[in-house]
Amino acid sequence: MGITQSELAIGIGVTQGNISHYEKGQTVPPEVAARLIGFAQTLGMSLTFDDIYRPTKEAEHA
């Protein structure tokens, strides 16, 4: 998204630590995913639940 973890955390109402955990693979709760989608839209980005919950290449090969 081109922003810091802290900026994203403020934008979706979680802690920077939460963002770090999500980036490392912790499941994003649906209510947080919804806020993330809305926040992405304010930045002019298109993001869907499928984008958030789609397995990564690494997870598919684990």
N, C-alpha and C. Protein backbone atom coordinates (compact mmCIF):
# COMPACT_ATOMS: atom_id res chain seq x y z
N MET A 1 0.82 -1.20 0.00
CA MET A 1 0.00 0.00 0.00
C MET A 1 0.86 1.27 0.00
N GLY A 2 2.14 1.09 0.27
CA GLY A 2 3.02 2.25 0.26
C GLY A 2 2.96 3.10 1.52
N ILE A 3 2.50 2.50 2.62
CA ILE A 3 2.44 3.22 3.90
C ILE A 3 3.11 2.37 4.97
N THR A 4 3.40 2.99 6.11
CA THR A 4 4.04 2.25 7.19
C THR A 4 3.02 1.39 7.94
N GLN A 5 3.54 0.44 8.71
CA GLN A 5 2.67 -0.37 9.56
C GLN A 5 1.89 0.53 10.52
N SER A 6 2.55 1.54 11.06
CA SER A 6 1.89 2.44 12.01
C SER A 6 0.75 3.20 11.34
N GLU A 7 0.97 3.69 10.12
CA GLU A 7 -0.08 4.41 9.40
C GLU A 7 -1.26 3.50 9.11
N LEU A 8 -0.97 2.26 8.70
CA LEU A 8 -2.04 1.31 8.43
C LEU A 8 -2.79 0.97 9.71
N ALA A 9 -2.06 0.76 10.79
CA ALA A 9 -2.70 0.45 12.08
C ALA A 9 -3.68 1.54 12.49
N ILE A 10 -3.24 2.79 12.39
CA ILE A 10 -4.12 3.91 12.73
C ILE A 10 -5.33 3.93 11.80
N GLY A 11 -5.09 3.68 10.52
CA GLY A 11 -6.16 3.73 9.53
C GLY A 11 -7.24 2.69 9.72
N ILE A 12 -6.87 1.53 10.29
CA ILE A 12 -7.89 0.48 10.46
C ILE A 12 -8.21 0.18 11.93
N GLY A 13 -7.61 0.93 12.83
CA GLY A 13 -7.98 0.81 14.24
C GLY A 13 -7.42 -0.40 14.97
N VAL A 14 -6.18 -0.77 14.64
CA VAL A 14 -5.51 -1.85 15.37
C VAL A 14 -4.13 -1.34 15.78
N THR A 15 -3.36 -2.18 16.46
CA THR A 15 -2.02 -1.77 16.85
C THR A 15 -1.02 -2.10 15.74
N GLN A 16 0.12 -1.47 15.80
CA GLN A 16 1.20 -1.77 14.85
C GLN A 16 1.63 -3.22 15.01
N GLY A 17 1.60 -3.71 16.25
CA GLY A 17 1.93 -5.11 16.51
C GLY A 17 0.98 -6.06 15.79
N ASN A 18 -0.31 -5.70 15.75
CA ASN A 18 -1.28 -6.52 15.01
C ASN A 18 -0.90 -6.59 13.54
N ILE A 19 -0.54 -5.45 12.96
CA ILE A 19 -0.16 -5.42 11.55
C ILE A 19 1.02 -6.35 11.31
N SER A 20 2.00 -6.29 12.19
CA SER A 20 3.17 -7.15 12.07
C SER A 20 2.76 -8.62 12.09
N HIS A 21 1.87 -8.99 12.99
CA HIS A 21 1.41 -10.38 13.06
C HIS A 21 0.67 -10.78 11.79
N TYR A 22 -0.17 -9.88 11.27
CA TYR A 22 -0.91 -10.20 10.04
C TYR A 22 0.06 -10.40 8.88
N GLU A 23 1.09 -9.57 8.81
CA GLU A 23 2.07 -9.70 7.73
C GLU A 23 2.85 -11.01 7.83
N LYS A 24 2.97 -11.54 9.03
CA LYS A 24 3.69 -12.80 9.23
C LYS A 24 2.79 -14.02 9.07
N GLY A 25 1.50 -13.80 8.77
CA GLY A 25 0.62 -14.92 8.48
C GLY A 25 -0.51 -15.17 9.44
N GLN A 26 -0.59 -14.40 10.53
CA GLN A 26 -1.72 -14.57 11.45
C GLN A 26 -3.00 -14.20 10.70
N THR A 27 -4.06 -14.96 10.91
CA THR A 27 -5.32 -14.70 10.24
C THR A 27 -5.89 -13.35 10.64
N VAL A 28 -6.34 -12.62 9.63
CA VAL A 28 -6.97 -11.32 9.84
C VAL A 28 -8.45 -11.57 10.15
N PRO A 29 -8.93 -11.09 11.32
CA PRO A 29 -10.36 -11.27 11.64
C PRO A 29 -11.24 -10.57 10.59
N PRO A 30 -12.41 -11.14 10.29
CA PRO A 30 -13.28 -10.56 9.26
C PRO A 30 -13.60 -9.08 9.47
N GLU A 31 -13.80 -8.66 10.72
CA GLU A 31 -14.13 -7.25 10.95
C GLU A 31 -12.94 -6.34 10.64
N VAL A 32 -11.74 -6.83 10.86
CA VAL A 32 -10.53 -6.07 10.52
C VAL A 32 -10.35 -6.07 9.00
N ALA A 33 -10.63 -7.20 8.36
CA ALA A 33 -10.55 -7.27 6.90
C ALA A 33 -11.50 -6.25 6.26
N ALA A 34 -12.69 -6.13 6.80
CA ALA A 34 -13.66 -5.17 6.26
C ALA A 34 -13.13 -3.74 6.41
N ARG A 35 -12.52 -3.44 7.55
CA ARG A 35 -11.95 -2.09 7.74
C ARG A 35 -10.78 -1.87 6.79
N LEU A 36 -9.98 -2.91 6.56
CA LEU A 36 -8.85 -2.82 5.64
C LEU A 36 -9.33 -2.53 4.22
N ILE A 37 -10.38 -3.20 3.80
CA ILE A 37 -10.95 -2.96 2.47
C ILE A 37 -11.41 -1.51 2.35
N GLY A 38 -12.11 -1.02 3.36
CA GLY A 38 -12.58 0.37 3.34
C GLY A 38 -11.43 1.36 3.33
N PHE A 39 -10.39 1.07 4.11
CA PHE A 39 -9.23 1.96 4.16
C PHE A 39 -8.52 1.97 2.81
N ALA A 40 -8.37 0.81 2.20
CA ALA A 40 -7.73 0.73 0.89
C ALA A 40 -8.49 1.58 -0.13
N GLN A 41 -9.80 1.57 -0.05
CA GLN A 41 -10.61 2.38 -0.97
C GLN A 41 -10.33 3.86 -0.80
N THR A 42 -10.07 4.30 0.44
CA THR A 42 -9.77 5.73 0.65
C THR A 42 -8.43 6.10 0.00
N LEU A 43 -7.58 5.11 -0.23
CA LEU A 43 -6.30 5.33 -0.90
C LEU A 43 -6.39 5.10 -2.41
N GLY A 44 -7.62 4.84 -2.89
CA GLY A 44 -7.82 4.61 -4.32
C GLY A 44 -7.44 3.22 -4.78
N MET A 45 -7.38 2.28 -3.83
CA MET A 45 -7.00 0.91 -4.16
C MET A 45 -8.22 0.00 -4.10
N SER A 46 -8.20 -1.02 -4.92
CA SER A 46 -9.25 -2.03 -4.90
C SER A 46 -8.74 -3.25 -4.16
N LEU A 47 -9.44 -3.65 -3.12
CA LEU A 47 -9.06 -4.79 -2.31
C LEU A 47 -10.33 -5.55 -1.95
N THR A 48 -10.27 -6.87 -2.00
CA THR A 48 -11.45 -7.69 -1.69
C THR A 48 -11.11 -8.70 -0.59
N PHE A 49 -12.13 -9.34 -0.06
CA PHE A 49 -11.91 -10.40 0.92
C PHE A 49 -11.07 -11.51 0.30
N ASP A 50 -11.28 -11.81 -0.99
CA ASP A 50 -10.48 -12.83 -1.65
C ASP A 50 -9.00 -12.45 -1.64
N ASP A 51 -8.69 -11.18 -1.84
CA ASP A 51 -7.29 -10.74 -1.81
C ASP A 51 -6.68 -10.98 -0.43
N ILE A 52 -7.45 -10.76 0.61
CA ILE A 52 -6.94 -10.90 1.98
C ILE A 52 -6.79 -12.35 2.38
N TYR A 53 -7.76 -13.17 1.99
CA TYR A 53 -7.78 -14.56 2.46
C TYR A 53 -7.23 -15.57 1.46
N ARG A 54 -6.84 -15.15 0.27
CA ARG A 54 -6.27 -16.07 -0.71
C ARG A 54 -4.93 -16.59 -0.19
N PRO A 55 -4.72 -17.90 -0.24
CA PRO A 55 -3.44 -18.44 0.24
C PRO A 55 -2.28 -17.89 -0.59
N THR A 56 -1.17 -17.66 0.08
CA THR A 56 0.04 -17.22 -0.61
C THR A 56 0.71 -18.43 -1.24
N LYS A 57 1.63 -18.17 -2.14
CA LYS A 57 2.38 -19.28 -2.76
C LYS A 57 3.11 -20.10 -1.70
N GLU A 58 3.68 -19.42 -0.69
CA GLU A 58 4.39 -20.13 0.37
C GLU A 58 3.45 -21.05 1.14
N ALA A 59 2.26 -20.58 1.46
CA ALA A 59 1.30 -21.38 2.23
C ALA A 59 0.82 -22.57 1.42
N GLU A 60 0.70 -22.41 0.10
CA GLU A 60 0.25 -23.50 -0.73
C GLU A 60 1.26 -24.63 -0.79
N HIS A 61 2.54 -24.30 -0.60
CA HIS A 61 3.60 -25.31 -0.68
C HIS A 61 4.05 -25.82 0.69
N ALA A 62 3.42 -25.36 1.74
CA ALA A 62 3.83 -25.77 3.10
C ALA A 62 3.30 -27.14 3.44
